[in-house]
Each structure stands twice: as C-alpha cells, then as structure tokens.
C-alpha cells in the first residue's frame, strides 16, 4: 500500500504532532516517519494501522488515491 506523504503531513499538522511524536505514538522509528514524509512510500498494513491509530484517523485516509 502506498501512503500519500501530503496526507500524512496534513494529518500531523491537524494533530499538532512532530515527526518524533508520531514515531513514538505509533511505535515506529523516526527514520520510518521521515522516509514516509520525504516521498510517497509503500508500507505494510501493520505500519499503516499504527500510523492511523497514532493520528486517530481511518487508515484509508492516508493512502494515495
């Protein structure tokens, strides 16, 4: 699944959280978050679920259309 980096950034702004905070909340590395924010990235369903839960949004809202 391919994440839309723009949607992830917008969700982070709406939640008022930084890269480090998102990584900590989601239980992923800061490097993973930074990679996702630099470009549209393919992620597995586990990572998608962790990010969406940390941002309190549905997983589908982070995917590239």
Protein backbone atom coordinates (compact mmCIF):
# COMPACT_ATOMS: atom_id res chain seq x y z
CA UNK A 1 0.00 0.00 0.00
CA UNK A 2 1.27 3.42 -0.88
CA UNK A 3 0.95 6.25 1.60
CA UNK A 4 0.40 9.81 0.42
CA UNK A 5 3.08 11.86 2.19
CA UNK A 6 0.98 15.02 1.78
CA UNK A 7 -1.93 13.42 3.63
CA UNK A 8 0.36 12.21 6.41
CA UNK A 9 1.83 15.72 6.83
CA UNK A 10 -1.63 17.32 6.88
CA UNK A 11 -2.81 14.81 9.49
CA UNK A 12 0.25 15.57 11.61
CA UNK A 13 -0.44 19.31 11.41
CA UNK A 14 -4.08 18.76 12.36
CA UNK A 15 -2.99 16.65 15.33
CA UNK A 16 -0.23 19.16 16.25
CA UNK A 17 2.47 16.48 16.45
CA UNK A 18 6.06 16.28 15.25
CA UNK A 19 7.91 13.51 13.45
CA UNK A 20 9.32 12.26 16.75
CA UNK A 21 5.93 12.34 18.46
CA UNK A 22 4.29 10.41 15.63
CA UNK A 23 7.06 7.81 15.69
CA UNK A 24 6.76 7.42 19.45
CA UNK A 25 2.94 7.19 19.40
CA UNK A 26 2.93 4.74 16.50
CA UNK A 27 5.79 2.60 17.80
CA UNK A 28 7.87 3.00 14.63
CA UNK A 29 11.28 4.53 14.11
CA UNK A 30 11.79 8.22 13.40
CA UNK A 31 13.58 7.09 10.23
CA UNK A 32 10.41 5.37 9.05
CA UNK A 33 8.37 8.51 9.62
CA UNK A 34 10.98 10.66 7.87
CA UNK A 35 11.07 8.30 4.87
CA UNK A 36 7.28 8.46 4.59
CA UNK A 37 7.31 12.26 4.76
CA UNK A 38 10.07 12.64 2.13
CA UNK A 39 8.17 10.74 -0.54
CA UNK A 40 5.15 8.58 -1.09
CA UNK A 41 6.16 5.26 0.43
CA UNK A 42 4.91 1.73 0.35
CA UNK A 43 4.15 0.41 3.83
CA UNK A 44 2.75 -2.81 5.19
CA UNK A 45 -0.68 -3.00 6.80
CA UNK A 46 0.83 -3.14 10.29
CA UNK A 47 2.64 0.19 9.86
CA UNK A 48 -0.42 1.76 8.23
CA UNK A 49 -2.54 0.69 11.20
CA UNK A 50 -0.05 2.04 13.72
CA UNK A 51 0.19 5.42 11.98
CA UNK A 52 -3.55 5.81 11.58
CA UNK A 53 -4.15 4.87 15.21
CA UNK A 54 -1.49 7.36 16.37
CA UNK A 55 -3.14 10.08 14.26
CA UNK A 56 -6.65 8.98 15.28
CA UNK A 57 -7.86 8.74 11.67
CA UNK A 58 -9.06 5.90 9.41
CA UNK A 59 -6.22 4.05 7.64
CA UNK A 60 -7.72 4.66 4.20
CA UNK A 61 -7.39 8.42 4.67
CA UNK A 62 -3.59 8.10 4.48
CA UNK A 63 -3.47 6.11 1.24
CA UNK A 64 -2.66 7.52 -2.16
CA UNK A 65 -5.71 7.63 -4.40
